[in-house]
Amino acid sequence: MQGTVVEVLPNAMFRVQLEGMERPVMGVISGKMRMHNIKILLGDSVDIEFSAYDLTKGRITRRN
């Protein structure tokens, strides 16, 4: 899913507002993004993936 970063939190965590949803979800940076030192800023458009078990937390896999 695609969303926009609305809040930057400590420990590489972000609140992401998804398209078509009213409440923001928590997102953490994936391992490859940490390894390649890709920065995410407030207002960036990102791709986020979720587990089938918990749809309130996700992993940010790409910055658009």
PDB file of N, CA and C in Angstrom:
ATOM      1  N   MET A   1       0.843  -1.178   0.000  1.00  0.00           N
ATOM      2  CA  MET A   1       0.000   0.000   0.000  1.00  0.00           C
ATOM      3  C   MET A   1       0.884   1.235   0.000  1.00  0.00           C
ATOM      4  N   GLN A   2       0.331   2.325  -0.465  1.00  0.00           N
ATOM      5  CA  GLN A   2       1.068   3.578  -0.489  1.00  0.00           C
ATOM      6  C   GLN A   2       0.498   4.541   0.537  1.00  0.00           C
ATOM      7  N   GLY A   3       1.380   5.363   1.093  1.00  0.00           N
ATOM      8  CA  GLY A   3       0.957   6.336   2.080  1.00  0.00           C
ATOM      9  C   GLY A   3       1.943   7.476   2.167  1.00  0.00           C
ATOM     10  N   THR A   4       1.669   8.400   3.076  1.00  0.00           N
ATOM     11  CA  THR A   4       2.495   9.580   3.283  1.00  0.00           C
ATOM     12  C   THR A   4       2.906   9.648   4.739  1.00  0.00           C
ATOM     13  N   VAL A   5       4.175   9.961   4.987  1.00  0.00           N
ATOM     14  CA  VAL A   5       4.693  10.078   6.348  1.00  0.00           C
ATOM     15  C   VAL A   5       4.135  11.359   6.975  1.00  0.00           C
ATOM     16  N   VAL A   6       3.446  11.212   8.120  1.00  0.00           N
ATOM     17  CA  VAL A   6       2.846  12.375   8.779  1.00  0.00           C
ATOM     18  C   VAL A   6       3.536  12.707  10.100  1.00  0.00           C
ATOM     19  N   GLU A   7       4.326  11.768  10.636  1.00  0.00           N
ATOM     20  CA  GLU A   7       5.030  12.029  11.895  1.00  0.00           C
ATOM     21  C   GLU A   7       6.282  11.165  11.954  1.00  0.00           C
ATOM     22  N   VAL A   8       7.381  11.766  12.403  1.00  0.00           N
ATOM     23  CA  VAL A   8       8.641  11.040  12.572  1.00  0.00           C
ATOM     24  C   VAL A   8       8.820  10.763  14.061  1.00  0.00           C
ATOM     25  N   LEU A   9       9.030   9.484  14.398  1.00  0.00           N
ATOM     26  CA  LEU A   9       9.181   9.056  15.784  1.00  0.00           C
ATOM     27  C   LEU A   9      10.599   8.540  16.014  1.00  0.00           C
ATOM     28  N   PRO A  10      11.018   8.369  17.267  1.00  0.00           N
ATOM     29  CA  PRO A  10      12.354   7.835  17.536  1.00  0.00           C
ATOM     30  C   PRO A  10      12.497   6.384  17.070  1.00  0.00           C
ATOM     31  N   ASN A  11      13.741   5.930  16.982  1.00  0.00           N
ATOM     32  CA  ASN A  11      14.093   4.550  16.622  1.00  0.00           C
ATOM     33  C   ASN A  11      13.618   4.159  15.233  1.00  0.00           C
ATOM     34  N   ALA A  12      13.716   5.083  14.288  1.00  0.00           N
ATOM     35  CA  ALA A  12      13.379   4.836  12.878  1.00  0.00           C
ATOM     36  C   ALA A  12      11.945   4.346  12.721  1.00  0.00           C
ATOM     37  N   MET A  13      11.025   4.925  13.489  1.00  0.00           N
ATOM     38  CA  MET A  13       9.612   4.602  13.367  1.00  0.00           C
ATOM     39  C   MET A  13       8.883   5.836  12.841  1.00  0.00           C
ATOM     40  N   PHE A  14       7.806   5.595  12.109  1.00  0.00           N
ATOM     41  CA  PHE A  14       7.060   6.672  11.473  1.00  0.00           C
ATOM     42  C   PHE A  14       5.575   6.393  11.574  1.00  0.00           C
ATOM     43  N   ARG A  15       4.776   7.460  11.565  1.00  0.00           N
ATOM     44  CA  ARG A  15       3.335   7.322  11.407  1.00  0.00           C
ATOM     45  C   ARG A  15       3.042   7.620   9.935  1.00  0.00           C
ATOM     46  N   VAL A  16       2.345   6.685   9.302  1.00  0.00           N
ATOM     47  CA  VAL A  16       2.067   6.788   7.872  1.00  0.00           C
ATOM     48  C   VAL A  16       0.559   6.852   7.672  1.00  0.00           C
ATOM     49  N   GLN A  17       0.110   7.865   6.932  1.00  0.00           N
ATOM     50  CA  GLN A  17      -1.295   7.996   6.579  1.00  0.00           C
ATOM     51  C   GLN A  17      -1.502   7.308   5.239  1.00  0.00           C
ATOM     52  N   LEU A  18      -2.278   6.218   5.250  1.00  0.00           N
ATOM     53  CA  LEU A  18      -2.525   5.459   4.028  1.00  0.00           C
ATOM     54  C   LEU A  18      -3.640   6.109   3.220  1.00  0.00           C
ATOM     55  N   GLU A  19      -3.609   5.875   1.916  1.00  0.00           N
ATOM     56  CA  GLU A  19      -4.656   6.398   1.045  1.00  0.00           C
ATOM     57  C   GLU A  19      -5.955   5.641   1.318  1.00  0.00           C
ATOM     58  N   GLY A  20      -7.016   6.356   1.578  1.00  0.00           N
ATOM     59  CA  GLY A  20      -8.311   5.742   1.791  1.00  0.00           C
ATOM     60  C   GLY A  20      -8.582   5.305   3.222  1.00  0.00           C
ATOM     61  N   MET A  21      -7.665   5.558   4.154  1.00  0.00           N
ATOM     62  CA  MET A  21      -7.896   5.207   5.554  1.00  0.00           C
ATOM     63  C   MET A  21      -7.852   6.484   6.391  1.00  0.00           C
ATOM     64  N   GLU A  22      -8.611   6.495   7.482  1.00  0.00           N
ATOM     65  CA  GLU A  22      -8.682   7.714   8.283  1.00  0.00           C
ATOM     66  C   GLU A  22      -7.643   7.777   9.391  1.00  0.00           C
ATOM     67  N   ARG A  23      -7.188   6.616   9.922  1.00  0.00           N
ATOM     68  CA  ARG A  23      -6.218   6.613  11.012  1.00  0.00           C
ATOM     69  C   ARG A  23      -4.836   6.261  10.481  1.00  0.00           C
ATOM     70  N   PRO A  24      -3.795   6.959  10.933  1.00  0.00           N
ATOM     71  CA  PRO A  24      -2.438   6.596  10.510  1.00  0.00           C
ATOM     72  C   PRO A  24      -1.977   5.300  11.168  1.00  0.00           C
ATOM     73  N   VAL A  25      -1.035   4.615  10.539  1.00  0.00           N
ATOM     74  CA  VAL A  25      -0.480   3.362  11.048  1.00  0.00           C
ATOM     75  C   VAL A  25       0.997   3.571  11.354  1.00  0.00           C
ATOM     76  N   MET A  26       1.563   2.676  12.166  1.00  0.00           N
ATOM     77  CA  MET A  26       2.982   2.729  12.500  1.00  0.00           C
ATOM     78  C   MET A  26       3.782   2.017  11.415  1.00  0.00           C
ATOM     79  N   GLY A  27       4.930   2.564  11.086  1.00  0.00           N
ATOM     80  CA  GLY A  27       5.799   1.934  10.104  1.00  0.00           C
ATOM     81  C   GLY A  27       7.241   1.987  10.557  1.00  0.00           C
ATOM     82  N   VAL A  28       7.982   0.925  10.295  1.00  0.00           N
ATOM     83  CA  VAL A  28       9.420   0.884  10.587  1.00  0.00           C
ATOM     84  C   VAL A  28      10.166   0.692   9.270  1.00  0.00           C
ATOM     85  N   ILE A  29      11.424   1.090   9.243  1.00  0.00           N
ATOM     86  CA  ILE A  29      12.231   0.975   8.029  1.00  0.00           C
ATOM     87  C   ILE A  29      12.669  -0.467   7.850  1.00  0.00           C
ATOM     88  N   SER A  30      12.602  -0.965   6.623  1.00  0.00           N
ATOM     89  CA  SER A  30      13.049  -2.330   6.343  1.00  0.00           C
ATOM     90  C   SER A  30      14.577  -2.413   6.423  1.00  0.00           C
ATOM     91  N   GLY A  31      15.079  -3.610   6.504  1.00  0.00           N
ATOM     92  CA  GLY A  31      16.514  -3.834   6.675  1.00  0.00           C
ATOM     93  C   GLY A  31      17.357  -3.321   5.530  1.00  0.00           C
ATOM     94  N   LYS A  32      16.887  -3.484   4.290  1.00  0.00           N
ATOM     95  CA  LYS A  32      17.654  -3.011   3.130  1.00  0.00           C
ATOM     96  C   LYS A  32      17.752  -1.489   3.123  1.00  0.00           C
ATOM     97  N   MET A  33      16.695  -0.805   3.573  1.00  0.00           N
ATOM     98  CA  MET A  33      16.738   0.655   3.617  1.00  0.00           C
ATOM     99  C   MET A  33      17.709   1.127   4.688  1.00  0.00           C
ATOM    100  N   ARG A  34      17.791   0.402   5.807  1.00  0.00           N
ATOM    101  CA  ARG A  34      18.774   0.735   6.844  1.00  0.00           C
ATOM    102  C   ARG A  34      20.191   0.489   6.334  1.00  0.00           C
ATOM    103  N   MET A  35      20.382  -0.641   5.641  1.00  0.00           N
ATOM    104  CA  MET A  35      21.704  -1.018   5.170  1.00  0.00           C
ATOM    105  C   MET A  35      22.241  -0.014   4.148  1.00  0.00           C
ATOM    106  N   HIS A  36      21.372   0.494   3.265  1.00  0.00           N
ATOM    107  CA  HIS A  36      21.791   1.437   2.237  1.00  0.00           C
ATOM    108  C   HIS A  36      21.632   2.889   2.664  1.00  0.00           C
ATOM    109  N   ASN A  37      21.292   3.108   3.943  1.00  0.00           N
ATOM    110  CA  ASN A  37      21.234   4.434   4.556  1.00  0.00           C
ATOM    111  C   ASN A  37      20.279   5.380   3.814  1.00  0.00           C
ATOM    112  N   ILE A  38      19.092   4.873   3.487  1.00  0.00           N
ATOM    113  CA  ILE A  38      18.081   5.678   2.815  1.00  0.00           C
ATOM    114  C   ILE A  38      17.289   6.441   3.873  1.00  0.00           C
ATOM    115  N   LYS A  39      17.231   7.742   3.724  1.00  0.00           N
ATOM    116  CA  LYS A  39      16.552   8.597   4.701  1.00  0.00           C
ATOM    117  C   LYS A  39      15.097   8.800   4.319  1.00  0.00           C
ATOM    118  N   ILE A  40      14.244   8.889   5.312  1.00  0.00           N
ATOM    119  CA  ILE A  40      12.831   9.187   5.112  1.00  0.00           C
ATOM    120  C   ILE A  40      12.511  10.444   5.905  1.00  0.00           C
ATOM    121  N   LEU A  41      11.872  11.397   5.241  1.00  0.00           N
ATOM    122  CA  LEU A  41      11.546  12.673   5.860  1.00  0.00           C
ATOM    123  C   LEU A  41      10.034  12.847   5.951  1.00  0.00           C
ATOM    124  N   LEU A  42       9.627  13.817   6.719  1.00  0.00           N
ATOM    125  CA  LEU A  42       8.218  14.144   6.874  1.00  0.00           C
ATOM    126  C   LEU A  42       7.638  14.548   5.521  1.00  0.00           C
ATOM    127  N   GLY A  43       6.519  13.969   5.153  1.00  0.00           N
ATOM    128  CA  GLY A  43       5.869  14.302   3.890  1.00  0.00           C
ATOM    129  C   GLY A  43       6.260  13.406   2.730  1.00  0.00           C
ATOM    130  N   ASP A  44       7.204  12.482   2.913  1.00  0.00           N
ATOM    131  CA  ASP A  44       7.602  11.575   1.843  1.00  0.00           C
ATOM    132  C   ASP A  44       6.511  10.566   1.551  1.00  0.00           C
ATOM    133  N   SER A  45       6.396  10.182   0.296  1.00  0.00           N
ATOM    134  CA  SER A  45       5.486   9.129  -0.114  1.00  0.00           C
ATOM    135  C   SER A  45       6.236   7.806  -0.034  1.00  0.00           C
ATOM    136  N   VAL A  46       5.642   6.809   0.626  1.00  0.00           N
ATOM    137  CA  VAL A  46       6.327   5.538   0.856  1.00  0.00           C
ATOM    138  C   VAL A  46       5.407   4.367   0.516  1.00  0.00           C
ATOM    139  N   ASP A  47       6.024   3.218   0.225  1.00  0.00           N
ATOM    140  CA  ASP A  47       5.303   1.955   0.091  1.00  0.00           C
ATOM    141  C   ASP A  47       5.467   1.207   1.393  1.00  0.00           C
ATOM    142  N   ILE A  48       4.379   0.630   1.901  1.00  0.00           N
ATOM    143  CA  ILE A  48       4.409  -0.058   3.183  1.00  0.00           C
ATOM    144  C   ILE A  48       3.714  -1.407   3.018  1.00  0.00           C
ATOM    145  N   GLU A  49       4.287  -2.435   3.646  1.00  0.00           N
ATOM    146  CA  GLU A  49       3.675  -3.767   3.581  1.00  0.00           C
ATOM    147  C   GLU A  49       3.309  -4.210   4.985  1.00  0.00           C
ATOM    148  N   PHE A  50       2.250  -5.022   5.065  1.00  0.00           N
ATOM    149  CA  PHE A  50       1.700  -5.444   6.338  1.00  0.00           C
ATOM    150  C   PHE A  50       1.723  -6.955   6.466  1.00  0.00           C
ATOM    151  N   SER A  51       1.677  -7.412   7.698  1.00  0.00           N
ATOM    152  CA  SER A  51       1.458  -8.815   7.994  1.00  0.00           C
ATOM    153  C   SER A  51      -0.047  -9.071   7.940  1.00  0.00           C
ATOM    154  N   ALA A  52      -0.417 -10.291   7.699  1.00  0.00           N
ATOM    155  CA  ALA A  52      -1.839 -10.636   7.679  1.00  0.00           C
ATOM    156  C   ALA A  52      -2.430 -10.635   9.083  1.00  0.00           C
ATOM    157  N   TYR A  53      -1.579 -10.642  10.108  1.00  0.00           N
ATOM    158  CA  TYR A  53      -2.036 -10.752  11.489  1.00  0.00           C
ATOM    159  C   TYR A  53      -2.238  -9.411  12.179  1.00  0.00           C
ATOM    160  N   ASP A  54      -1.476  -8.391  11.782  1.00  0.00           N
ATOM    161  CA  ASP A  54      -1.573  -7.095  12.450  1.00  0.00           C
ATOM    162  C   ASP A  54      -1.543  -5.996  11.398  1.00  0.00           C
ATOM    163  N   LEU A  55      -2.669  -5.358  11.181  1.00  0.00           N
ATOM    164  CA  LEU A  55      -2.767  -4.326  10.153  1.00  0.00           C
ATOM    165  C   LEU A  55      -2.532  -2.923  10.697  1.00  0.00           C
ATOM    166  N   THR A  56      -2.048  -2.814  11.944  1.00  0.00           N
ATOM    167  CA  THR A  56      -1.759  -1.496  12.513  1.00  0.00           C
ATOM    168  C   THR A  56      -0.276  -1.160  12.446  1.00  0.00           C
ATOM    169  N   LYS A  57       0.576  -2.148  12.160  1.00  0.00           N
ATOM    170  CA  LYS A  57       2.016  -1.940  12.055  1.00  0.00           C
ATOM    171  C   LYS A  57       2.484  -2.501  10.725  1.00  0.00           C
ATOM    172  N   GLY A  58       3.434  -1.804  10.107  1.00  0.00           N
ATOM    173  CA  GLY A  58       3.926  -2.265   8.819  1.00  0.00           C
ATOM    174  C   GLY A  58       5.407  -1.977   8.651  1.00  0.00           C
ATOM    175  N   ARG A  59       5.940  -2.448   7.530  1.00  0.00           N
ATOM    176  CA  ARG A  59       7.362  -2.263   7.203  1.00  0.00           C
ATOM    177  C   ARG A  59       7.441  -1.398   5.960  1.00  0.00           C
ATOM    178  N   ILE A  60       8.200  -0.306   6.054  1.00  0.00           N
ATOM    179  CA  ILE A  60       8.373   0.601   4.926  1.00  0.00           C
ATOM    180  C   ILE A  60       9.433   0.008   4.012  1.00  0.00           C
ATOM    181  N   THR A  61       9.040  -0.289   2.777  1.00  0.00           N
ATOM    182  CA  THR A  61       9.938  -0.988   1.861  1.00  0.00           C
ATOM    183  C   THR A  61      10.520  -0.085   0.774  1.00  0.00           C
ATOM    184  N   ARG A  62       9.889   1.074   0.528  1.00  0.00           N
ATOM    185  CA  ARG A  62      10.373   1.919  -0.542  1.00  0.00           C
ATOM    186  C   ARG A  62       9.933   3.355  -0.330  1.00  0.00           C
ATOM    187  N   ARG A  63      10.809   4.288  -0.695  1.00  0.00           N
ATOM    188  CA  ARG A  63      10.457   5.708  -0.679  1.00  0.00           C
ATOM    189  C   ARG A  63      10.229   6.134  -2.117  1.00  0.00           C
ATOM    190  N   ASN A  64       9.112   6.765  -2.406  1.00  0.00           N
ATOM    191  CA  ASN A  64       8.793   7.172  -3.782  1.00  0.00           C
ATOM    192  C   ASN A  64       9.142   8.617  -4.026  1.00  0.00           C
TER     193      ASN A  64
END
